[in-house]
């Protein structure tokens, strides 16, 4: 290969590789579903992954992502749903734990520029869940939701654009306890 051809090849690669990565982020969800299906299992729960979302196996639990065209270079809407087993000494119970959870979660959210929008009850796998919704008036992700599931140590959280909050609640409603072998 001549030097001139090599320079052209390198120049094209420098332009095309980032462009290919830039265009591929919105397709990660579809690719993930082709390889893994529509569900994940975590801590005894079966969780439906929405179409166009992908899953990263992170610590302390799986993260479900949706990225739009332009990510990660431009500031575009996204959704980030996390599941994790909390380090509580006992499972969450509304009567004894809600006040502490609500106060501490609200303090952290307000420290990050969010304001409490309200609380919301949901049903997750036939169990009640208690959620706090936050909004940020300007800058960064504009929505957060934090949910604790009654009688478990599992927390499910959302951060991202408010247009995807309904996807978050669809994930919650689609969760179910996995059948255990006797």
C-alpha atoms as a PDB file:
ATOM      1  CA  UNK A   1       0.000   0.000   0.000  1.00  0.00           C
ATOM      2  CA  UNK A   2       1.379   3.405  -0.931  1.00  0.00           C
ATOM      3  CA  UNK A   3       1.752   6.190   1.563  1.00  0.00           C
ATOM      4  CA  UNK A   4      -0.940   8.211  -0.168  1.00  0.00           C
ATOM      5  CA  UNK A   5      -3.409   5.300  -0.035  1.00  0.00           C
ATOM      6  CA  UNK A   6      -2.480   4.627   3.596  1.00  0.00           C
ATOM      7  CA  UNK A   7      -3.150   8.283   4.525  1.00  0.00           C
ATOM      8  CA  UNK A   8      -6.537   8.151   2.792  1.00  0.00           C
ATOM      9  CA  UNK A   9      -7.405   4.919   4.572  1.00  0.00           C
ATOM     10  CA  UNK A  10      -6.396   6.338   7.955  1.00  0.00           C
ATOM     11  CA  UNK A  11      -8.248   9.597   7.238  1.00  0.00           C
ATOM     12  CA  UNK A  12     -11.404   7.752   6.262  1.00  0.00           C
ATOM     13  CA  UNK A  13     -11.122   5.544   9.351  1.00  0.00           C
ATOM     14  CA  UNK A  14     -10.733   8.559  11.627  1.00  0.00           C
ATOM     15  CA  UNK A  15     -14.008   9.925  10.230  1.00  0.00           C
ATOM     16  CA  UNK A  16     -15.992   6.730   9.703  1.00  0.00           C
ATOM     17  CA  UNK A  17     -15.313   4.871  12.953  1.00  0.00           C
ATOM     18  CA  UNK A  18     -16.665   7.656  15.208  1.00  0.00           C
ATOM     19  CA  UNK A  19     -19.589   8.163  12.810  1.00  0.00           C
ATOM     20  CA  UNK A  20     -20.409   4.451  12.941  1.00  0.00           C
ATOM     21  CA  UNK A  21     -20.263   4.489  16.755  1.00  0.00           C
ATOM     22  CA  UNK A  22     -22.358   7.658  16.857  1.00  0.00           C
ATOM     23  CA  UNK A  23     -25.047   6.091  14.682  1.00  0.00           C
ATOM     24  CA  UNK A  24     -24.974   2.717  16.464  1.00  0.00           C
ATOM     25  CA  UNK A  25     -25.959   3.859  19.987  1.00  0.00           C
ATOM     26  CA  UNK A  26     -29.703   3.987  19.216  1.00  0.00           C
ATOM     27  CA  UNK A  27     -29.440   0.446  17.805  1.00  0.00           C
ATOM     28  CA  UNK A  28     -27.907  -1.050  20.952  1.00  0.00           C
ATOM     29  CA  UNK A  29     -31.346  -1.920  22.332  1.00  0.00           C
ATOM     30  CA  UNK A  30     -32.434  -3.870  19.280  1.00  0.00           C
ATOM     31  CA  UNK A  31     -29.115  -5.691  19.164  1.00  0.00           C
ATOM     32  CA  UNK A  32     -29.335  -6.529  22.850  1.00  0.00           C
ATOM     33  CA  UNK A  33     -32.835  -7.996  22.382  1.00  0.00           C
ATOM     34  CA  UNK A  34     -31.645 -10.119  19.454  1.00  0.00           C
ATOM     35  CA  UNK A  35     -28.900 -11.603  21.613  1.00  0.00           C
ATOM     36  CA  UNK A  36     -30.636 -11.836  25.004  1.00  0.00           C
ATOM     37  CA  UNK A  37     -34.427 -11.791  24.512  1.00  0.00           C
ATOM     38  CA  UNK A  38     -36.949  -9.601  26.309  1.00  0.00           C
ATOM     39  CA  UNK A  39     -36.287 -10.394  29.977  1.00  0.00           C
ATOM     40  CA  UNK A  40     -33.558 -10.382  32.584  1.00  0.00           C
ATOM     41  CA  UNK A  41     -33.482 -12.082  35.975  1.00  0.00           C
ATOM     42  CA  UNK A  42     -32.252 -10.291  39.049  1.00  0.00           C
ATOM     43  CA  UNK A  43     -32.448 -11.264  42.701  1.00  0.00           C
ATOM     44  CA  UNK A  44     -35.425 -13.582  42.187  1.00  0.00           C
ATOM     45  CA  UNK A  45     -37.302 -11.158  39.904  1.00  0.00           C
ATOM     46  CA  UNK A  46     -38.125 -11.485  36.217  1.00  0.00           C
ATOM     47  CA  UNK A  47     -37.859  -8.063  34.567  1.00  0.00           C
ATOM     48  CA  UNK A  48     -39.150  -7.183  31.095  1.00  0.00           C
ATOM     49  CA  UNK A  49     -36.720  -4.994  29.155  1.00  0.00           C
ATOM     50  CA  UNK A  50     -38.559  -2.460  26.964  1.00  0.00           C
ATOM     51  CA  UNK A  51     -37.947  -2.478  23.217  1.00  0.00           C
ATOM     52  CA  UNK A  52     -35.048  -0.218  22.180  1.00  0.00           C
ATOM     53  CA  UNK A  53     -33.466  -0.574  25.649  1.00  0.00           C
ATOM     54  CA  UNK A  54     -30.291  -2.520  26.434  1.00  0.00           C
ATOM     55  CA  UNK A  55     -28.955  -3.899  29.714  1.00  0.00           C
ATOM     56  CA  UNK A  56     -25.543  -3.438  31.241  1.00  0.00           C
ATOM     57  CA  UNK A  57     -24.540  -5.759  34.045  1.00  0.00           C
ATOM     58  CA  UNK A  58     -23.209  -3.287  36.606  1.00  0.00           C
ATOM     59  CA  UNK A  59     -22.541  -3.202  40.309  1.00  0.00           C
ATOM     60  CA  UNK A  60     -24.659  -3.244  42.437  1.00  0.00           C
ATOM     61  CA  UNK A  61     -27.260  -4.507  39.922  1.00  0.00           C
ATOM     62  CA  UNK A  62     -28.327  -4.362  36.274  1.00  0.00           C
ATOM     63  CA  UNK A  63     -28.871  -1.059  34.504  1.00  0.00           C
ATOM     64  CA  UNK A  64     -31.393  -0.752  31.693  1.00  0.00           C
ATOM     65  CA  UNK A  65     -30.515   2.032  29.200  1.00  0.00           C
ATOM     66  CA  UNK A  66     -32.138   3.837  26.308  1.00  0.00           C
ATOM     67  CA  UNK A  67     -29.928   6.125  24.241  1.00  0.00           C
ATOM     68  CA  UNK A  68     -31.073   8.277  21.343  1.00  0.00           C
ATOM     69  CA  UNK A  69     -29.266   9.313  18.182  1.00  0.00           C
ATOM     70  CA  UNK A  70     -26.547  11.736  19.151  1.00  0.00           C
ATOM     71  CA  UNK A  71     -25.471  10.012  22.368  1.00  0.00           C
ATOM     72  CA  UNK A  72     -22.896  10.227  23.825  1.00  0.00           C
ATOM     73  CA  UNK A  73     -21.591  13.258  21.907  1.00  0.00           C
ATOM     74  CA  UNK A  74     -24.653  15.476  22.137  1.00  0.00           C
ATOM     75  CA  UNK A  75     -26.988  16.120  25.023  1.00  0.00           C
ATOM     76  CA  UNK A  76     -29.986  14.032  23.975  1.00  0.00           C
ATOM     77  CA  UNK A  77     -32.825  12.465  26.000  1.00  0.00           C
ATOM     78  CA  UNK A  78     -32.020   9.140  27.630  1.00  0.00           C
ATOM     79  CA  UNK A  79     -33.428   6.734  30.190  1.00  0.00           C
ATOM     80  CA  UNK A  80     -31.516   4.879  32.902  1.00  0.00           C
ATOM     81  CA  UNK A  81     -33.302   2.292  35.068  1.00  0.00           C
ATOM     82  CA  UNK A  82     -31.377   0.586  37.858  1.00  0.00           C
ATOM     83  CA  UNK A  83     -32.243  -2.370  40.040  1.00  0.00           C
ATOM     84  CA  UNK A  84     -30.311  -3.017  43.200  1.00  0.00           C
ATOM     85  CA  UNK A  85     -30.624  -4.808  46.479  1.00  0.00           C
ATOM     86  CA  UNK A  86     -30.380  -2.208  49.193  1.00  0.00           C
ATOM     87  CA  UNK A  87     -28.067  -2.627  52.124  1.00  0.00           C
ATOM     88  CA  UNK A  88     -30.931  -2.449  54.577  1.00  0.00           C
ATOM     89  CA  UNK A  89     -30.716  -4.621  57.680  1.00  0.00           C
ATOM     90  CA  UNK A  90     -34.226  -5.873  56.889  1.00  0.00           C
ATOM     91  CA  UNK A  91     -36.743  -5.780  54.031  1.00  0.00           C
ATOM     92  CA  UNK A  92     -38.565  -2.487  53.392  1.00  0.00           C
ATOM     93  CA  UNK A  93     -41.873  -1.961  55.229  1.00  0.00           C
ATOM     94  CA  UNK A  94     -43.857   1.180  54.572  1.00  0.00           C
ATOM     95  CA  UNK A  95     -45.059   1.692  58.131  1.00  0.00           C
ATOM     96  CA  UNK A  96     -41.589   1.648  59.680  1.00  0.00           C
ATOM     97  CA  UNK A  97     -39.255   2.704  56.856  1.00  0.00           C
ATOM     98  CA  UNK A  98     -41.091   5.169  54.593  1.00  0.00           C
ATOM     99  CA  UNK A  99     -40.491   8.354  56.588  1.00  0.00           C
ATOM    100  CA  UNK A 100     -36.735   7.781  56.815  1.00  0.00           C
ATOM    101  CA  UNK A 101     -36.484   6.715  53.165  1.00  0.00           C
ATOM    102  CA  UNK A 102     -38.552   9.665  51.925  1.00  0.00           C
ATOM    103  CA  UNK A 103     -36.606  12.204  53.990  1.00  0.00           C
ATOM    104  CA  UNK A 104     -33.142  10.912  53.108  1.00  0.00           C
ATOM    105  CA  UNK A 105     -33.952  10.403  49.405  1.00  0.00           C
ATOM    106  CA  UNK A 106     -35.492  13.868  49.155  1.00  0.00           C
ATOM    107  CA  UNK A 107     -32.480  15.474  50.833  1.00  0.00           C
ATOM    108  CA  UNK A 108     -30.086  13.836  48.357  1.00  0.00           C
ATOM    109  CA  UNK A 109     -32.268  14.732  45.358  1.00  0.00           C
ATOM    110  CA  UNK A 110     -32.630  18.349  46.475  1.00  0.00           C
ATOM    111  CA  UNK A 111     -28.858  18.536  46.921  1.00  0.00           C
ATOM    112  CA  UNK A 112     -28.570  17.551  43.250  1.00  0.00           C
ATOM    113  CA  UNK A 113     -30.958  20.260  42.079  1.00  0.00           C
ATOM    114  CA  UNK A 114     -34.198  18.242  41.996  1.00  0.00           C
ATOM    115  CA  UNK A 115     -37.465  19.091  43.682  1.00  0.00           C
ATOM    116  CA  UNK A 116     -40.034  16.621  44.921  1.00  0.00           C
ATOM    117  CA  UNK A 117     -42.915  16.273  42.471  1.00  0.00           C
ATOM    118  CA  UNK A 118     -44.823  13.790  44.631  1.00  0.00           C
ATOM    119  CA  UNK A 119     -45.164  10.212  45.776  1.00  0.00           C
ATOM    120  CA  UNK A 120     -46.852   7.430  43.876  1.00  0.00           C
ATOM    121  CA  UNK A 121     -47.928   3.894  44.671  1.00  0.00           C
ATOM    122  CA  UNK A 122     -47.289   1.127  42.156  1.00  0.00           C
ATOM    123  CA  UNK A 123     -47.694  -2.613  42.051  1.00  0.00           C
ATOM    124  CA  UNK A 124     -44.641  -4.718  41.343  1.00  0.00           C
ATOM    125  CA  UNK A 125     -45.154  -8.463  41.059  1.00  0.00           C
ATOM    126  CA  UNK A 126     -48.323  -8.306  43.185  1.00  0.00           C
ATOM    127  CA  UNK A 127     -46.469  -6.360  45.874  1.00  0.00           C
ATOM    128  CA  UNK A 128     -47.027  -2.704  46.696  1.00  0.00           C
ATOM    129  CA  UNK A 129     -44.201  -0.337  45.862  1.00  0.00           C
ATOM    130  CA  UNK A 130     -43.762   3.192  47.101  1.00  0.00           C
ATOM    131  CA  UNK A 131     -42.143   5.721  44.798  1.00  0.00           C
ATOM    132  CA  UNK A 132     -40.908   9.296  45.024  1.00  0.00           C
ATOM    133  CA  UNK A 133     -40.820  11.368  41.822  1.00  0.00           C
ATOM    134  CA  UNK A 134     -38.487  14.315  41.390  1.00  0.00           C
ATOM    135  CA  UNK A 135     -37.997  16.902  38.649  1.00  0.00           C
ATOM    136  CA  UNK A 136     -35.131  19.253  37.904  1.00  0.00           C
ATOM    137  CA  UNK A 137     -36.248  22.577  36.469  1.00  0.00           C
ATOM    138  CA  UNK A 138     -33.083  23.118  34.428  1.00  0.00           C
ATOM    139  CA  UNK A 139     -29.992  21.250  33.332  1.00  0.00           C
ATOM    140  CA  UNK A 140     -28.999  17.605  33.396  1.00  0.00           C
ATOM    141  CA  UNK A 141     -31.478  14.762  33.489  1.00  0.00           C
ATOM    142  CA  UNK A 142     -34.823  16.277  34.355  1.00  0.00           C
ATOM    143  CA  UNK A 143     -36.538  13.355  36.122  1.00  0.00           C
ATOM    144  CA  UNK A 144     -35.770  10.902  38.895  1.00  0.00           C
ATOM    145  CA  UNK A 145     -37.955   8.228  40.452  1.00  0.00           C
ATOM    146  CA  UNK A 146     -36.990   6.102  43.467  1.00  0.00           C
ATOM    147  CA  UNK A 147     -39.114   3.055  44.397  1.00  0.00           C
ATOM    148  CA  UNK A 148     -38.964   0.623  47.302  1.00  0.00           C
ATOM    149  CA  UNK A 149     -40.853  -2.662  47.101  1.00  0.00           C
ATOM    150  CA  UNK A 150     -42.781  -3.749  50.167  1.00  0.00           C
ATOM    151  CA  UNK A 151     -41.312  -6.772  51.960  1.00  0.00           C
ATOM    152  CA  UNK A 152     -38.088  -6.826  49.910  1.00  0.00           C
ATOM    153  CA  UNK A 153     -34.658  -5.214  49.865  1.00  0.00           C
ATOM    154  CA  UNK A 154     -35.057  -4.389  46.165  1.00  0.00           C
ATOM    155  CA  UNK A 155     -35.014  -0.788  44.973  1.00  0.00           C
ATOM    156  CA  UNK A 156     -35.750   0.306  41.420  1.00  0.00           C
ATOM    157  CA  UNK A 157     -34.673   3.766  40.292  1.00  0.00           C
ATOM    158  CA  UNK A 158     -35.021   5.938  37.218  1.00  0.00           C
ATOM    159  CA  UNK A 159     -33.037   8.872  35.934  1.00  0.00           C
ATOM    160  CA  UNK A 160     -33.428  10.558  32.587  1.00  0.00           C
ATOM    161  CA  UNK A 161     -35.791  12.513  30.423  1.00  0.00           C
ATOM    162  CA  UNK A 162     -39.376  12.876  31.624  1.00  0.00           C
ATOM    163  CA  UNK A 163     -40.731  11.484  28.345  1.00  0.00           C
ATOM    164  CA  UNK A 164     -39.432   8.030  29.371  1.00  0.00           C
ATOM    165  CA  UNK A 165     -40.892   7.957  32.903  1.00  0.00           C
ATOM    166  CA  UNK A 166     -43.871   5.978  31.567  1.00  0.00           C
ATOM    167  CA  UNK A 167     -41.416   3.330  30.299  1.00  0.00           C
ATOM    168  CA  UNK A 168     -40.064   3.099  33.841  1.00  0.00           C
ATOM    169  CA  UNK A 169     -43.523   2.399  35.267  1.00  0.00           C
ATOM    170  CA  UNK A 170     -44.113  -0.175  32.503  1.00  0.00           C
ATOM    171  CA  UNK A 171     -40.950  -1.967  33.662  1.00  0.00           C
ATOM    172  CA  UNK A 172     -42.242  -1.920  37.245  1.00  0.00           C
ATOM    173  CA  UNK A 173     -45.657  -3.278  36.284  1.00  0.00           C
ATOM    174  CA  UNK A 174     -44.039  -5.977  34.127  1.00  0.00           C
ATOM    175  CA  UNK A 175     -41.853  -7.326  36.937  1.00  0.00           C
ATOM    176  CA  UNK A 176     -42.754 -10.615  38.564  1.00  0.00           C
ATOM    177  CA  UNK A 177     -41.275 -12.948  41.118  1.00  0.00           C
ATOM    178  CA  UNK A 178     -39.612 -15.938  39.500  1.00  0.00           C
ATOM    179  CA  UNK A 179     -40.899 -19.385  40.296  1.00  0.00           C
ATOM    180  CA  UNK A 180     -38.595 -21.178  42.684  1.00  0.00           C
ATOM    181  CA  UNK A 181     -37.800 -24.847  42.293  1.00  0.00           C
ATOM    182  CA  UNK A 182     -38.993 -26.910  45.296  1.00  0.00           C
END
